[in-house]
Structure formats: C-alpha cells, structure tokens
Amino acid sequence: MAKPAGPYANVIKVSGAGKLIFLAGIAPADIEGNIVCQGDIAGQTRQVVKNIVALLEAAGAAPDNVVKTTTYVVADAMKSFLETSACVDCLSSFATPTDTLIGVACLAGSDKGQLIEVTAVAVTD
C-alpha cells in the first residue's frame, strides 16, 4: 500500500473500543451560527477545527481521540484547499485519523459562503 498523500492514516485498529463519539457535519460557523471567513478556505478550515475541538471537549474527548474524519470541500475551493496549508492544518489538528476528502457541488450553507464541512468519529476509554 502506498504511503498516504497527506497527514492521515490508511487504517486504524480500535481494540476494545470504549465510548464512541460521532460528530455531525461541522460547519465554519461562529457561536451565532454565521459562516465565517467568506471566500477563505484556510480561515474556514481553522474555524471548523476550532468547533470540532470545542465539541470534543464538551463530550469529554480531545483531538487525539479522533480516529476518522470525512472532509467535504466545495469543488470551486478544492484547489485552494490542497495548495494552501488548509488541508494539512485540518488533518494535523488530530492524531493522524483516517480521512476521506470529497469534493462536492455545494453544502447546506453554500448560499451563505460555506466552503468546507467535516464529520468526525472519536474513541475514548
């Protein structure tokens, strides 16, 4: 198997799984639900990571507990996502999870400028 193209794992084995935490698609929104950093995939990625970390902490977990992410990026922003540090910043915020990156035509918040959304699964003891 070839080495992954980014800071993610091809496979993770979870033995005797403790508690599973599933995060829905997390948007780059502020506390009021407004999409932040219009047109800035790197800024939106940082906000998504910030939101994920806050949700993990509220659930009694940490970024190192994340074992799986699915990253959805609006197709028009994909080139910028891959060429900037946004992709690496997103994945390296966690402990080398498995990841699937999907280019999409739009997201639920695309009409408000949303460029990215990330789902995650974490495992705690």
Protein backbone atom coordinates (compact mmCIF):
# COMPACT_ATOMS: atom_id res chain seq x y z
CA MET A 1 0.00 0.00 0.00
CA ALA A 2 1.34 3.42 -0.87
CA LYS A 3 2.04 5.93 1.87
CA PRO A 4 -0.91 8.34 2.34
CA ALA A 5 -0.73 11.56 0.34
CA GLY A 6 -1.40 13.66 3.45
CA PRO A 7 -1.21 13.53 7.24
CA TYR A 8 -3.78 10.78 7.62
CA ALA A 9 -3.67 7.03 8.18
CA ASN A 10 -4.76 4.34 5.73
CA VAL A 11 -6.02 2.21 8.59
CA ILE A 12 -6.64 2.43 12.33
CA LYS A 13 -7.49 -0.54 14.51
CA VAL A 14 -9.51 0.20 17.64
CA SER A 15 -9.37 -2.67 20.11
CA GLY A 16 -11.85 -2.98 22.94
CA ALA A 17 -13.49 0.25 21.86
CA GLY A 18 -14.59 2.41 24.74
CA LYS A 19 -17.01 5.21 24.07
CA LEU A 20 -17.63 6.33 20.52
CA ILE A 21 -18.33 9.98 19.79
CA PHE A 22 -19.84 10.89 16.42
CA LEU A 23 -19.74 14.50 15.24
CA ALA A 24 -22.15 15.60 12.54
CA GLY A 25 -21.01 17.77 9.65
CA ILE A 26 -19.33 20.69 11.41
CA ALA A 27 -19.51 23.99 9.55
CA PRO A 28 -17.20 27.02 9.79
CA ALA A 29 -19.73 28.93 11.87
CA ASP A 30 -19.37 31.21 14.86
CA ILE A 31 -21.38 30.82 18.08
CA GLU A 32 -24.36 32.60 16.46
CA GLY A 33 -24.34 30.19 13.51
CA ASN A 34 -22.90 32.66 11.00
CA ILE A 35 -20.46 31.30 8.40
CA VAL A 36 -17.08 32.99 8.98
CA CYS A 37 -14.18 33.88 6.68
CA GLN A 38 -16.18 34.29 3.46
CA GLY A 39 -14.12 33.11 0.48
CA ASP A 40 -11.20 31.99 2.69
CA ILE A 41 -10.86 28.19 2.79
CA ALA A 42 -7.93 28.34 5.23
CA GLY A 43 -9.85 30.57 7.65
CA GLN A 44 -12.95 28.40 7.37
CA THR A 45 -10.86 25.28 7.99
CA ARG A 46 -9.42 26.81 11.18
CA GLN A 47 -12.96 27.59 12.37
CA VAL A 48 -14.15 24.04 11.64
CA VAL A 49 -11.22 22.63 13.63
CA LYS A 50 -11.94 25.06 16.48
CA ASN A 51 -15.59 23.96 16.51
CA ILE A 52 -14.66 20.27 16.45
CA VAL A 53 -12.22 20.69 19.34
CA ALA A 54 -14.89 22.51 21.39
CA LEU A 55 -17.43 19.74 20.74
CA LEU A 56 -14.91 17.03 21.58
CA GLU A 57 -14.04 18.74 24.86
CA ALA A 58 -17.73 19.10 25.71
CA ALA A 59 -18.10 15.35 25.13
CA GLY A 60 -15.09 14.52 27.33
CA ALA A 61 -12.68 13.85 24.47
CA ALA A 62 -9.65 15.50 22.87
CA PRO A 63 -8.32 15.93 19.32
CA ASP A 64 -6.06 12.90 19.85
CA ASN A 65 -9.19 10.74 20.24
CA VAL A 66 -10.30 11.34 16.63
CA VAL A 67 -9.94 8.19 14.51
CA LYS A 68 -11.97 9.12 11.42
CA THR A 69 -12.82 12.31 9.58
CA THR A 70 -14.69 12.96 6.38
CA THR A 71 -13.92 16.32 4.81
CA TYR A 72 -16.30 17.88 2.31
CA VAL A 73 -14.99 20.81 0.26
CA VAL A 74 -16.94 22.75 -2.35
CA ALA A 75 -15.36 21.89 -5.70
CA ASP A 76 -14.54 25.53 -6.51
CA ALA A 77 -12.43 25.73 -3.32
CA MET A 78 -10.70 22.34 -3.64
CA LYS A 79 -7.61 23.62 -5.48
CA SER A 80 -7.05 26.30 -2.85
CA PHE A 81 -7.70 23.79 -0.06
CA LEU A 82 -4.98 21.49 -1.40
CA GLU A 83 -2.49 24.22 -2.37
CA THR A 84 -2.64 26.15 0.91
CA SER A 85 -1.91 24.78 4.35
CA ALA A 86 -5.65 24.30 4.95
CA CYS A 87 -5.61 20.57 4.19
CA VAL A 88 -2.59 19.86 6.39
CA ASP A 89 -3.86 22.19 9.14
CA CYS A 90 -7.16 20.35 9.21
CA LEU A 91 -5.75 16.85 9.46
CA SER A 92 -2.73 17.60 11.63
CA SER A 93 -5.04 19.04 14.28
CA PHE A 94 -5.92 15.43 15.13
CA ALA A 95 -3.84 12.31 15.83
CA THR A 96 -3.47 11.10 12.24
CA PRO A 97 -7.04 9.92 11.69
CA THR A 98 -8.25 8.10 8.65
CA ASP A 99 -9.77 10.67 6.30
CA THR A 100 -11.83 10.80 3.17
CA LEU A 101 -11.75 14.05 1.19
CA ILE A 102 -14.78 14.65 -1.00
CA GLY A 103 -15.35 17.45 -3.48
CA VAL A 104 -18.99 18.49 -3.60
CA ALA A 105 -21.04 20.85 -5.73
CA CYS A 106 -22.45 22.60 -2.68
CA LEU A 107 -23.06 22.30 1.06
CA ALA A 108 -26.12 23.20 3.11
CA GLY A 109 -24.55 26.59 3.90
CA SER A 110 -23.13 27.28 0.44
CA ASP A 111 -25.63 30.08 -0.10
CA LYS A 112 -24.03 31.75 2.95
CA GLY A 113 -20.46 31.19 1.72
CA GLN A 114 -19.67 27.84 3.34
CA LEU A 115 -16.74 26.11 1.61
CA ILE A 116 -15.98 23.19 3.97
CA GLU A 117 -17.66 20.78 6.39
CA VAL A 118 -16.08 17.98 8.41
CA THR A 119 -17.58 14.97 10.19
CA ALA A 120 -15.57 13.08 12.80
CA VAL A 121 -15.57 9.96 14.92
CA ALA A 122 -13.63 9.81 18.19
CA VAL A 123 -12.94 6.93 20.59
CA THR A 124 -12.35 7.38 24.32
CA ASP A 125 -11.69 4.91 27.13
